[in-house]
Amino acid sequence: MEDFAKKYLDWYKGLSKIVRALLCLLWDVPSNLYRLSKSALKKNTLGIVLAIVLAIFGGWILFVVDFVCILVMDKVLWLDDFGAEDEAKADEPKEEAPAAEPAEEPAPEKDAE
């Protein structure tokens, strides 16, 4: 499943905005597969179940939301887009930059006599 998800996400992200909007008119199937693939790639069980339920029962409302989001923001909104990754990264300790080394002072020149 992960292999399919990676290939599908790469393919979908490579499409232009107009092609995505036209594909969205096909009962929103490509956008639903995008959601499912995104959740499967992250092994998010809640996301997978929610993607399947929305694909079956989401219908008209989800189609309108996806169509508008594709035209305005050029992406399909999903659970990962609401800051879950940002919060996880904020919890990780940040690496400190190495301290700057002091500049070497030139050796004093000896007076030539």
PDB file of N, CA and C in Angstrom:
ATOM      1  N   MET A   1       0.822  -1.198   0.000  1.00  0.00           N
ATOM      2  CA  MET A   1       0.000   0.000   0.000  1.00  0.00           C
ATOM      3  C   MET A   1       0.863   1.258   0.000  1.00  0.00           C
ATOM      4  N   GLU A   2       1.983   1.215   0.729  1.00  0.00           N
ATOM      5  CA  GLU A   2       2.841   2.395   0.796  1.00  0.00           C
ATOM      6  C   GLU A   2       3.448   2.728  -0.562  1.00  0.00           C
ATOM      7  N   ASP A   3       3.770   1.689  -1.320  1.00  0.00           N
ATOM      8  CA  ASP A   3       4.338   1.915  -2.646  1.00  0.00           C
ATOM      9  C   ASP A   3       3.331   2.635  -3.548  1.00  0.00           C
ATOM     10  N   PHE A   4       2.076   2.156  -3.527  1.00  0.00           N
ATOM     11  CA  PHE A   4       1.018   2.803  -4.301  1.00  0.00           C
ATOM     12  C   PHE A   4       0.817   4.239  -3.837  1.00  0.00           C
ATOM     13  N   ALA A   5       0.832   4.438  -2.520  1.00  0.00           N
ATOM     14  CA  ALA A   5       0.591   5.772  -1.960  1.00  0.00           C
ATOM     15  C   ALA A   5       1.673   6.751  -2.426  1.00  0.00           C
ATOM     16  N   LYS A   6       2.937   6.344  -2.384  1.00  0.00           N
ATOM     17  CA  LYS A   6       4.017   7.221  -2.819  1.00  0.00           C
ATOM     18  C   LYS A   6       3.867   7.576  -4.293  1.00  0.00           C
ATOM     19  N   LYS A   7       3.615   6.572  -5.113  1.00  0.00           N
ATOM     20  CA  LYS A   7       3.492   6.812  -6.550  1.00  0.00           C
ATOM     21  C   LYS A   7       2.282   7.692  -6.860  1.00  0.00           C
ATOM     22  N   TYR A   8       1.174   7.441  -6.178  1.00  0.00           N
ATOM     23  CA  TYR A   8      -0.034   8.224  -6.437  1.00  0.00           C
ATOM     24  C   TYR A   8       0.145   9.674  -5.999  1.00  0.00           C
ATOM     25  N   LEU A   9       0.745   9.893  -4.831  1.00  0.00           N
ATOM     26  CA  LEU A   9       0.963  11.260  -4.356  1.00  0.00           C
ATOM     27  C   LEU A   9       1.897  12.026  -5.295  1.00  0.00           C
ATOM     28  N   ASP A  10       2.952  11.355  -5.768  1.00  0.00           N
ATOM     29  CA  ASP A  10       3.860  12.011  -6.711  1.00  0.00           C
ATOM     30  C   ASP A  10       3.137  12.356  -8.009  1.00  0.00           C
ATOM     31  N   TRP A  11       2.323  11.423  -8.500  1.00  0.00           N
ATOM     32  CA  TRP A  11       1.581  11.659  -9.731  1.00  0.00           C
ATOM     33  C   TRP A  11       0.586  12.807  -9.556  1.00  0.00           C
ATOM     34  N   TYR A  12      -0.150  12.786  -8.459  1.00  0.00           N
ATOM     35  CA  TYR A  12      -1.189  13.797  -8.234  1.00  0.00           C
ATOM     36  C   TYR A  12      -0.586  15.186  -8.044  1.00  0.00           C
ATOM     37  N   LYS A  13       0.516  15.256  -7.311  1.00  0.00           N
ATOM     38  CA  LYS A  13       1.154  16.555  -7.083  1.00  0.00           C
ATOM     39  C   LYS A  13       1.779  17.102  -8.362  1.00  0.00           C
ATOM     40  N   GLY A  14       2.089  16.229  -9.308  1.00  0.00           N
ATOM     41  CA  GLY A  14       2.674  16.656 -10.570  1.00  0.00           C
ATOM     42  C   GLY A  14       1.674  17.228 -11.557  1.00  0.00           C
ATOM     43  N   LEU A  15       0.394  17.058 -11.277  1.00  0.00           N
ATOM     44  CA  LEU A  15      -0.639  17.571 -12.181  1.00  0.00           C
ATOM     45  C   LEU A  15      -0.810  19.072 -12.012  1.00  0.00           C
ATOM     46  N   SER A  16      -1.278  19.716 -13.064  1.00  0.00           N
ATOM     47  CA  SER A  16      -1.520  21.152 -12.968  1.00  0.00           C
ATOM     48  C   SER A  16      -2.834  21.411 -12.223  1.00  0.00           C
ATOM     49  N   LYS A  17      -3.032  22.652 -11.840  1.00  0.00           N
ATOM     50  CA  LYS A  17      -4.234  23.035 -11.100  1.00  0.00           C
ATOM     51  C   LYS A  17      -5.500  22.765 -11.908  1.00  0.00           C
ATOM     52  N   ILE A  18      -5.462  23.049 -13.180  1.00  0.00           N
ATOM     53  CA  ILE A  18      -6.654  22.861 -14.026  1.00  0.00           C
ATOM     54  C   ILE A  18      -6.997  21.381 -14.171  1.00  0.00           C
ATOM     55  N   VAL A  19      -5.984  20.553 -14.331  1.00  0.00           N
ATOM     56  CA  VAL A  19      -6.231  19.114 -14.459  1.00  0.00           C
ATOM     57  C   VAL A  19      -6.803  18.555 -13.158  1.00  0.00           C
ATOM     58  N   ARG A  20      -6.273  19.002 -12.020  1.00  0.00           N
ATOM     59  CA  ARG A  20      -6.815  18.558 -10.728  1.00  0.00           C
ATOM     60  C   ARG A  20      -8.270  18.985 -10.567  1.00  0.00           C
ATOM     61  N   ALA A  21      -8.593  20.213 -10.986  1.00  0.00           N
ATOM     62  CA  ALA A  21      -9.969  20.703 -10.882  1.00  0.00           C
ATOM     63  C   ALA A  21     -10.889  19.884 -11.788  1.00  0.00           C
ATOM     64  N   LEU A  22     -10.432  19.560 -12.975  1.00  0.00           N
ATOM     65  CA  LEU A  22     -11.250  18.738 -13.884  1.00  0.00           C
ATOM     66  C   LEU A  22     -11.427  17.319 -13.342  1.00  0.00           C
ATOM     67  N   LEU A  23     -10.371  16.773 -12.761  1.00  0.00           N
ATOM     68  CA  LEU A  23     -10.490  15.441 -12.162  1.00  0.00           C
ATOM     69  C   LEU A  23     -11.417  15.451 -10.952  1.00  0.00           C
ATOM     70  N   CYS A  24     -11.479  16.571 -10.264  1.00  0.00           N
ATOM     71  CA  CYS A  24     -12.366  16.701  -9.116  1.00  0.00           C
ATOM     72  C   CYS A  24     -13.831  16.591  -9.538  1.00  0.00           C
ATOM     73  N   LEU A  25     -14.111  16.962 -10.768  1.00  0.00           N
ATOM     74  CA  LEU A  25     -15.488  16.859 -11.280  1.00  0.00           C
ATOM     75  C   LEU A  25     -15.930  15.399 -11.452  1.00  0.00           C
ATOM     76  N   LEU A  26     -14.987  14.465 -11.433  1.00  0.00           N
ATOM     77  CA  LEU A  26     -15.305  13.042 -11.571  1.00  0.00           C
ATOM     78  C   LEU A  26     -15.708  12.434 -10.234  1.00  0.00           C
ATOM     79  N   TRP A  27     -16.692  12.980  -9.603  1.00  0.00           N
ATOM     80  CA  TRP A  27     -17.232  12.504  -8.324  1.00  0.00           C
ATOM     81  C   TRP A  27     -16.174  12.490  -7.234  1.00  0.00           C
ATOM     82  N   ASP A  28     -15.167  13.313  -7.419  1.00  0.00           N
ATOM     83  CA  ASP A  28     -14.136  13.536  -6.411  1.00  0.00           C
ATOM     84  C   ASP A  28     -13.305  12.293  -6.092  1.00  0.00           C
ATOM     85  N   VAL A  29     -13.270  11.334  -6.983  1.00  0.00           N
ATOM     86  CA  VAL A  29     -12.526  10.095  -6.736  1.00  0.00           C
ATOM     87  C   VAL A  29     -11.021  10.343  -6.599  1.00  0.00           C
ATOM     88  N   PRO A  30     -10.384  11.123  -7.509  1.00  0.00           N
ATOM     89  CA  PRO A  30      -8.943  11.329  -7.346  1.00  0.00           C
ATOM     90  C   PRO A  30      -8.571  12.027  -6.039  1.00  0.00           C
ATOM     91  N   SER A  31      -9.378  12.964  -5.597  1.00  0.00           N
ATOM     92  CA  SER A  31      -9.093  13.650  -4.336  1.00  0.00           C
ATOM     93  C   SER A  31      -9.264  12.707  -3.145  1.00  0.00           C
ATOM     94  N   ASN A  32     -10.246  11.832  -3.223  1.00  0.00           N
ATOM     95  CA  ASN A  32     -10.436  10.851  -2.153  1.00  0.00           C
ATOM     96  C   ASN A  32      -9.269   9.869  -2.101  1.00  0.00           C
ATOM     97  N   LEU A  33      -8.767   9.463  -3.251  1.00  0.00           N
ATOM     98  CA  LEU A  33      -7.587   8.587  -3.271  1.00  0.00           C
ATOM     99  C   LEU A  33      -6.361   9.326  -2.740  1.00  0.00           C
ATOM    100  N   TYR A  34      -6.292  10.619  -2.993  1.00  0.00           N
ATOM    101  CA  TYR A  34      -5.192  11.430  -2.462  1.00  0.00           C
ATOM    102  C   TYR A  34      -5.220  11.408  -0.937  1.00  0.00           C
ATOM    103  N   ARG A  35      -6.395  11.617  -0.363  1.00  0.00           N
ATOM    104  CA  ARG A  35      -6.536  11.585   1.102  1.00  0.00           C
ATOM    105  C   ARG A  35      -6.145  10.223   1.672  1.00  0.00           C
ATOM    106  N   LEU A  36      -6.651   9.184   1.045  1.00  0.00           N
ATOM    107  CA  LEU A  36      -6.364   7.824   1.500  1.00  0.00           C
ATOM    108  C   LEU A  36      -4.868   7.531   1.403  1.00  0.00           C
ATOM    109  N   SER A  37      -4.243   7.928   0.309  1.00  0.00           N
ATOM    110  CA  SER A  37      -2.809   7.687   0.124  1.00  0.00           C
ATOM    111  C   SER A  37      -1.974   8.460   1.131  1.00  0.00           C
ATOM    112  N   LYS A  38      -2.363   9.690   1.391  1.00  0.00           N
ATOM    113  CA  LYS A  38      -1.620  10.515   2.340  1.00  0.00           C
ATOM    114  C   LYS A  38      -1.665   9.909   3.742  1.00  0.00           C
ATOM    115  N   SER A  39      -2.830   9.424   4.144  1.00  0.00           N
ATOM    116  CA  SER A  39      -2.959   8.811   5.467  1.00  0.00           C
ATOM    117  C   SER A  39      -2.263   7.457   5.525  1.00  0.00           C
ATOM    118  N   ALA A  40      -2.326   6.697   4.430  1.00  0.00           N
ATOM    119  CA  ALA A  40      -1.677   5.388   4.407  1.00  0.00           C
ATOM    120  C   ALA A  40      -0.163   5.537   4.475  1.00  0.00           C
ATOM    121  N   LEU A  41       0.361   6.541   3.834  1.00  0.00           N
ATOM    122  CA  LEU A  41       1.800   6.766   3.841  1.00  0.00           C
ATOM    123  C   LEU A  41       2.295   7.111   5.239  1.00  0.00           C
ATOM    124  N   LYS A  42       1.485   7.824   6.008  1.00  0.00           N
ATOM    125  CA  LYS A  42       1.859   8.197   7.376  1.00  0.00           C
ATOM    126  C   LYS A  42       1.383   7.166   8.408  1.00  0.00           C
ATOM    127  N   LYS A  43       0.741   6.096   7.922  1.00  0.00           N
ATOM    128  CA  LYS A  43       0.213   5.024   8.792  1.00  0.00           C
ATOM    129  C   LYS A  43      -0.744   5.593   9.845  1.00  0.00           C
ATOM    130  N   ASN A  44      -1.605   6.492   9.404  1.00  0.00           N
ATOM    131  CA  ASN A  44      -2.579   7.143  10.262  1.00  0.00           C
ATOM    132  C   ASN A  44      -3.912   6.397  10.120  1.00  0.00           C
ATOM    133  N   THR A  45      -4.231   5.529  11.083  1.00  0.00           N
ATOM    134  CA  THR A  45      -5.426   4.707  11.008  1.00  0.00           C
ATOM    135  C   THR A  45      -6.695   5.545  11.000  1.00  0.00           C
ATOM    136  N   LEU A  46      -6.755   6.553  11.829  1.00  0.00           N
ATOM    137  CA  LEU A  46      -7.919   7.434  11.861  1.00  0.00           C
ATOM    138  C   LEU A  46      -8.116   8.106  10.503  1.00  0.00           C
ATOM    139  N   GLY A  47      -7.037   8.563   9.898  1.00  0.00           N
ATOM    140  CA  GLY A  47      -7.116   9.194   8.598  1.00  0.00           C
ATOM    141  C   GLY A  47      -7.591   8.250   7.512  1.00  0.00           C
ATOM    142  N   ILE A  48      -7.132   6.993   7.563  1.00  0.00           N
ATOM    143  CA  ILE A  48      -7.548   5.997   6.571  1.00  0.00           C
ATOM    144  C   ILE A  48      -9.038   5.721   6.693  1.00  0.00           C
ATOM    145  N   VAL A  49      -9.492   5.495   7.919  1.00  0.00           N
ATOM    146  CA  VAL A  49     -10.919   5.209   8.137  1.00  0.00           C
ATOM    147  C   VAL A  49     -11.768   6.413   7.745  1.00  0.00           C
ATOM    148  N   LEU A  50     -11.341   7.601   8.142  1.00  0.00           N
ATOM    149  CA  LEU A  50     -12.092   8.813   7.806  1.00  0.00           C
ATOM    150  C   LEU A  50     -12.115   9.052   6.295  1.00  0.00           C
ATOM    151  N   ALA A  51     -11.014   8.771   5.617  1.00  0.00           N
ATOM    152  CA  ALA A  51     -10.962   8.934   4.163  1.00  0.00           C
ATOM    153  C   ALA A  51     -11.943   7.991   3.473  1.00  0.00           C
ATOM    154  N   ILE A  52     -12.039   6.775   3.953  1.00  0.00           N
ATOM    155  CA  ILE A  52     -12.974   5.799   3.357  1.00  0.00           C
ATOM    156  C   ILE A  52     -14.411   6.215   3.629  1.00  0.00           C
ATOM    157  N   VAL A  53     -14.709   6.622   4.858  1.00  0.00           N
ATOM    158  CA  VAL A  53     -16.073   7.045   5.195  1.00  0.00           C
ATOM    159  C   VAL A  53     -16.468   8.272   4.383  1.00  0.00           C
ATOM    160  N   LEU A  54     -15.553   9.238   4.264  1.00  0.00           N
ATOM    161  CA  LEU A  54     -15.861  10.435   3.482  1.00  0.00           C
ATOM    162  C   LEU A  54     -16.000  10.125   1.991  1.00  0.00           C
ATOM    163  N   ALA A  55     -15.247   9.151   1.511  1.00  0.00           N
ATOM    164  CA  ALA A  55     -15.377   8.767   0.107  1.00  0.00           C
ATOM    165  C   ALA A  55     -16.755   8.171  -0.164  1.00  0.00           C
ATOM    166  N   ILE A  56     -17.294   7.447   0.807  1.00  0.00           N
ATOM    167  CA  ILE A  56     -18.604   6.806   0.620  1.00  0.00           C
ATOM    168  C   ILE A  56     -19.735   7.784   0.885  1.00  0.00           C
ATOM    169  N   PHE A  57     -19.650   8.521   1.999  1.00  0.00           N
ATOM    170  CA  PHE A  57     -20.771   9.359   2.419  1.00  0.00           C
ATOM    171  C   PHE A  57     -20.544  10.859   2.241  1.00  0.00           C
ATOM    172  N   GLY A  58     -19.323  11.292   1.900  1.00  0.00           N
ATOM    173  CA  GLY A  58     -19.013  12.711   1.806  1.00  0.00           C
ATOM    174  C   GLY A  58     -19.660  13.401   0.624  1.00  0.00           C
ATOM    175  N   GLY A  59     -19.673  12.720  -0.485  1.00  0.00           N
ATOM    176  CA  GLY A  59     -20.331  13.137  -1.699  1.00  0.00           C
ATOM    177  C   GLY A  59     -20.286  14.601  -2.063  1.00  0.00           C
ATOM    178  N   TRP A  60     -21.432  15.225  -2.123  1.00  0.00           N
ATOM    179  CA  TRP A  60     -21.608  16.558  -2.661  1.00  0.00           C
ATOM    180  C   TRP A  60     -20.828  17.615  -1.883  1.00  0.00           C
ATOM    181  N   ILE A  61     -20.875  17.575  -0.576  1.00  0.00           N
ATOM    182  CA  ILE A  61     -20.213  18.603   0.236  1.00  0.00           C
ATOM    183  C   ILE A  61     -18.702  18.542   0.055  1.00  0.00           C
ATOM    184  N   LEU A  62     -18.165  17.348   0.091  1.00  0.00           N
ATOM    185  CA  LEU A  62     -16.731  17.179  -0.062  1.00  0.00           C
ATOM    186  C   LEU A  62     -16.271  17.590  -1.460  1.00  0.00           C
ATOM    187  N   PHE A  63     -17.085  17.311  -2.454  1.00  0.00           N
ATOM    188  CA  PHE A  63     -16.765  17.706  -3.823  1.00  0.00           C
ATOM    189  C   PHE A  63     -16.639  19.221  -3.929  1.00  0.00           C
ATOM    190  N   VAL A  64     -17.557  19.952  -3.351  1.00  0.00           N
ATOM    191  CA  VAL A  64     -17.543  21.421  -3.417  1.00  0.00           C
ATOM    192  C   VAL A  64     -16.326  21.971  -2.665  1.00  0.00           C
ATOM    193  N   VAL A  65     -16.057  21.434  -1.486  1.00  0.00           N
ATOM    194  CA  VAL A  65     -14.908  21.889  -0.697  1.00  0.00           C
ATOM    195  C   VAL A  65     -13.608  21.637  -1.465  1.00  0.00           C
ATOM    196  N   ASP A  66     -13.459  20.442  -2.024  1.00  0.00           N
ATOM    197  CA  ASP A  66     -12.243  20.123  -2.774  1.00  0.00           C
ATOM    198  C   ASP A  66     -12.091  21.002  -4.004  1.00  0.00           C
ATOM    199  N   PHE A  67     -13.173  21.216  -4.714  1.00  0.00           N
ATOM    200  CA  PHE A  67     -13.124  22.015  -5.929  1.00  0.00           C
ATOM    201  C   PHE A  67     -12.674  23.447  -5.624  1.00  0.00           C
ATOM    202  N   VAL A  68     -13.245  24.033  -4.583  1.00  0.00           N
ATOM    203  CA  VAL A  68     -12.878  25.397  -4.192  1.00  0.00           C
ATOM    204  C   VAL A  68     -11.431  25.445  -3.695  1.00  0.00           C
ATOM    205  N   CYS A  69     -11.029  24.476  -2.872  1.00  0.00           N
ATOM    206  CA  CYS A  69      -9.658  24.460  -2.351  1.00  0.00           C
ATOM    207  C   CYS A  69      -8.638  24.289  -3.468  1.00  0.00           C
ATOM    208  N   ILE A  70      -8.934  23.461  -4.442  1.00  0.00           N
ATOM    209  CA  ILE A  70      -8.016  23.270  -5.560  1.00  0.00           C
ATOM    210  C   ILE A  70      -7.885  24.561  -6.354  1.00  0.00           C
ATOM    211  N   LEU A  71      -8.993  25.231  -6.607  1.00  0.00           N
ATOM    212  CA  LEU A  71      -8.937  26.467  -7.386  1.00  0.00           C
ATOM    213  C   LEU A  71      -8.272  27.612  -6.625  1.00  0.00           C
ATOM    214  N   VAL A  72      -8.516  27.695  -5.325  1.00  0.00           N
ATOM    215  CA  VAL A  72      -7.995  28.822  -4.549  1.00  0.00           C
ATOM    216  C   VAL A  72      -6.579  28.552  -4.025  1.00  0.00           C
ATOM    217  N   MET A  73      -6.370  27.397  -3.382  1.00  0.00           N
ATOM    218  CA  MET A  73      -5.092  27.115  -2.728  1.00  0.00           C
ATOM    219  C   MET A  73      -4.220  26.125  -3.485  1.00  0.00           C
ATOM    220  N   ASP A  74      -4.737  25.533  -4.541  1.00  0.00           N
ATOM    221  CA  ASP A  74      -4.011  24.562  -5.354  1.00  0.00           C
ATOM    222  C   ASP A  74      -3.615  23.311  -4.563  1.00  0.00           C
ATOM    223  N   LYS A  75      -4.453  22.898  -3.625  1.00  0.00           N
ATOM    224  CA  LYS A  75      -4.214  21.648  -2.902  1.00  0.00           C
ATOM    225  C   LYS A  75      -5.512  21.136  -2.305  1.00  0.00           C
ATOM    226  N   VAL A  76      -5.499  19.862  -1.924  1.00  0.00           N
ATOM    227  CA  VAL A  76      -6.636  19.232  -1.260  1.00  0.00           C
ATOM    228  C   VAL A  76      -6.340  19.243   0.234  1.00  0.00           C
ATOM    229  N   LEU A  77      -7.246  19.789   1.020  1.00  0.00           N
ATOM    230  CA  LEU A  77      -7.035  19.840   2.467  1.00  0.00           C
ATOM    231  C   LEU A  77      -7.283  18.477   3.089  1.00  0.00           C
ATOM    232  N   TRP A  78      -6.433  18.140   4.059  1.00  0.00           N
ATOM    233  CA  TRP A  78      -6.607  16.898   4.794  1.00  0.00           C
ATOM    234  C   TRP A  78      -6.048  17.085   6.184  1.00  0.00           C
ATOM    235  N   LEU A  79      -6.166  16.086   7.032  1.00  0.00           N
ATOM    236  CA  LEU A  79      -5.779  16.184   8.444  1.00  0.00           C
ATOM    237  C   LEU A  79      -4.346  16.666   8.636  1.00  0.00           C
ATOM    238  N   ASP A  80      -3.454  16.277   7.746  1.00  0.00           N
ATOM    239  CA  ASP A  80      -2.049  16.648   7.889  1.00  0.00           C
ATOM    240  C   ASP A  80      -1.814  18.127   7.660  1.00  0.00           C
ATOM    241  N   ASP A  81      -2.769  18.819   7.064  1.00  0.00           N
ATOM    242  CA  ASP A  81      -2.590  20.222   6.731  1.00  0.00           C
ATOM    243  C   ASP A  81      -2.981  21.169   7.865  1.00  0.00           C
ATOM    244  N   PHE A  82      -3.373  20.642   8.993  1.00  0.00           N
ATOM    245  CA  PHE A  82      -3.858  21.489  10.082  1.00  0.00           C
ATOM    246  C   PHE A  82      -2.870  21.594  11.232  1.00  0.00           C
ATOM    247  N   GLY A  83      -1.566  21.491  10.957  1.00  0.00           N
ATOM    248  CA  GLY A  83      -0.552  21.736  11.955  1.00  0.00           C
ATOM    249  C   GLY A  83      -0.114  20.550  12.778  1.00  0.00           C
ATOM    250  N   ALA A  84      -0.538  19.343  12.469  1.00  0.00           N
ATOM    251  CA  ALA A  84      -0.111  18.181  13.248  1.00  0.00           C
ATOM    252  C   ALA A  84       1.392  17.973  13.107  1.00  0.00           C
ATOM    253  N   GLU A  85       1.943  18.191  11.933  1.00  0.00           N
ATOM    254  CA  GLU A  85       3.374  18.034  11.723  1.00  0.00           C
ATOM    255  C   GLU A  85       4.144  19.145  12.418  1.00  0.00           C
ATOM    256  N   ASP A  86       3.611  20.363  12.387  1.00  0.00           N
ATOM    257  CA  ASP A  86       4.285  21.492  13.017  1.00  0.00           C
ATOM    258  C   ASP A  86       4.392  21.292  14.522  1.00  0.00           C
ATOM    259  N   GLU A  87       3.342  20.760  15.136  1.00  0.00           N
ATOM    260  CA  GLU A  87       3.366  20.518  16.576  1.00  0.00           C
ATOM    261  C   GLU A  87       4.374  19.429  16.915  1.00  0.00           C
ATOM    262  N   ALA A  88       4.456  18.396  16.088  1.00  0.00           N
ATOM    263  CA  ALA A  88       5.407  17.317  16.340  1.00  0.00           C
ATOM    264  C   ALA A  88       6.833  17.831  16.228  1.00  0.00           C
ATOM    265  N   LYS A  89       7.085  18.690  15.264  1.00  0.00           N
ATOM    266  CA  LYS A  89       8.425  19.243  15.097  1.00  0.00           C
ATOM    267  C   LYS A  89       8.757  20.200  16.236  1.00  0.00           C
ATOM    268  N   ALA A  90       7.767  20.879  16.780  1.00  0.00           N
ATOM    269  CA  ALA A  90       8.006  21.814  17.872  1.00  0.00           C
ATOM    270  C   ALA A  90       8.397  21.076  19.151  1.00  0.00           C
ATOM    271  N   ASP A  91       7.920  19.832  19.321  1.00  0.00           N
ATOM    272  CA  ASP A  91       8.238  19.048  20.507  1.00  0.00           C
ATOM    273  C   ASP A  91       9.661  18.501  20.474  1.00  0.00           C
ATOM    274  N   GLU A  92      10.232  18.341  19.274  1.00  0.00           N
ATOM    275  CA  GLU A  92      11.570  17.793  19.153  1.00  0.00           C
ATOM    276  C   GLU A  92      12.581  18.823  19.637  1.00  0.00           C
ATOM    277  N   PRO A  93      13.632  18.353  20.306  1.00  0.00           N
ATOM    278  CA  PRO A  93      14.648  19.317  20.737  1.00  0.00           C
ATOM    279  C   PRO A  93      15.396  19.863  19.523  1.00  0.00           C
ATOM    280  N   LYS A  94      15.673  21.143  19.577  1.00  0.00           N
ATOM    281  CA  LYS A  94      16.385  21.781  18.470  1.00  0.00           C
ATOM    282  C   LYS A  94      17.881  21.615  18.666  1.00  0.00           C
ATOM    283  N   GLU A  95      18.587  21.418  17.561  1.00  0.00           N
ATOM    284  CA  GLU A  95      20.034  21.297  17.625  1.00  0.00           C
ATOM    285  C   GLU A  95      20.631  22.694  17.725  1.00  0.00           C
ATOM    286  N   GLU A  96      21.610  22.812  18.580  1.00  0.00           N
ATOM    287  CA  GLU A  96      22.259  24.100  18.732  1.00  0.00           C
ATOM    288  C   GLU A  96      23.332  24.245  17.669  1.00  0.00           C
ATOM    289  N   ALA A  97      23.457  25.443  17.170  1.00  0.00           N
ATOM    290  CA  ALA A  97      24.496  25.709  16.182  1.00  0.00           C
ATOM    291  C   ALA A  97      25.841  25.704  16.892  1.00  0.00           C
ATOM    292  N   PRO A  98      26.860  25.209  16.229  1.00  0.00           N
ATOM    293  CA  PRO A  98      28.173  25.202  16.879  1.00  0.00           C
ATOM    294  C   PRO A  98      28.650  26.632  17.107  1.00  0.00           C
ATOM    295  N   ALA A  99      29.350  26.800  18.200  1.00  0.00           N
ATOM    296  CA  ALA A  99      29.840  28.138  18.545  1.00  0.00           C
ATOM    297  C   ALA A  99      30.869  28.568  17.510  1.00  0.00           C
ATOM    298  N   ALA A 100      30.855  29.838  17.207  1.00  0.00           N
ATOM    299  CA  ALA A 100      31.801  30.367  16.227  1.00  0.00           C
ATOM    300  C   ALA A 100      33.201  30.323  16.809  1.00  0.00           C
ATOM    301  N   GLU A 101      34.133  29.893  15.990  1.00  0.00           N
ATOM    302  CA  GLU A 101      35.519  29.843  16.452  1.00  0.00           C
ATOM    303  C   GLU A 101      36.098  31.252  16.411  1.00  0.00           C
ATOM    304  N   PRO A 102      36.900  31.590  17.399  1.00  0.00           N
ATOM    305  CA  PRO A 102      37.479  32.931  17.377  1.00  0.00           C
ATOM    306  C   PRO A 102      38.428  33.075  16.192  1.00  0.00           C
ATOM    307  N   ALA A 103      38.420  34.252  15.637  1.00  0.00           N
ATOM    308  CA  ALA A 103      39.288  34.504  14.490  1.00  0.00           C
ATOM    309  C   ALA A 103      40.741  34.480  14.933  1.00  0.00           C
ATOM    310  N   GLU A 104      41.581  33.897  14.101  1.00  0.00           N
ATOM    311  CA  GLU A 104      42.997  33.826  14.435  1.00  0.00           C
ATOM    312  C   GLU A 104      43.622  35.202  14.247  1.00  0.00           C
ATOM    313  N   GLU A 105      44.384  35.598  15.242  1.00  0.00           N
ATOM    314  CA  GLU A 105      45.072  36.874  15.146  1.00  0.00           C
ATOM    315  C   GLU A 105      46.376  36.652  14.395  1.00  0.00           C
ATOM    316  N   PRO A 106      46.729  37.582  13.541  1.00  0.00           N
ATOM    317  CA  PRO A 106      47.987  37.409  12.812  1.00  0.00           C
ATOM    318  C   PRO A 106      49.166  37.463  13.767  1.00  0.00           C
ATOM    319  N   ALA A 107      50.155  36.688  13.462  1.00  0.00           N
ATOM    320  CA  ALA A 107      51.366  36.654  14.308  1.00  0.00           C
ATOM    321  C   ALA A 107      52.070  38.000  14.193  1.00  0.00           C
ATOM    322  N   PRO A 108      52.588  38.491  15.311  1.00  0.00           N
ATOM    323  CA  PRO A 108      53.292  39.786  15.242  1.00  0.00           C
ATOM    324  C   PRO A 108      54.510  39.662  14.348  1.00  0.00           C
ATOM    325  N   GLU A 109      54.698  40.674  13.542  1.00  0.00           N
ATOM    326  CA  GLU A 109      55.829  40.670  12.618  1.00  0.00           C
ATOM    327  C   GLU A 109      57.091  41.127  13.361  1.00  0.00           C
ATOM    328  N   LYS A 110      58.177  40.485  13.055  1.00  0.00           N
ATOM    329  CA  LYS A 110      59.452  40.876  13.661  1.00  0.00           C
ATOM    330  C   LYS A 110      60.032  42.045  12.875  1.00  0.00           C
ATOM    331  N   ASP A 111      60.576  42.934  13.628  1.00  0.00           N
ATOM    332  CA  ASP A 111      61.178  44.094  12.964  1.00  0.00           C
ATOM    333  C   ASP A 111      62.430  43.659  12.209  1.00  0.00           C
ATOM    334  N   ALA A 112      62.459  43.953  10.978  1.00  0.00           N
ATOM    335  CA  ALA A 112      63.641  43.614  10.180  1.00  0.00           C
ATOM    336  C   ALA A 112      64.673  44.711  10.340  1.00  0.00           C
ATOM    337  N   GLU A 113      65.881  44.349  10.663  1.00  0.00           N
ATOM    338  CA  GLU A 113      66.924  45.337  10.848  1.00  0.00           C
ATOM    339  C   GLU A 113      67.906  45.287   9.739  1.00  0.00           C
TER     340      GLU A 113
END
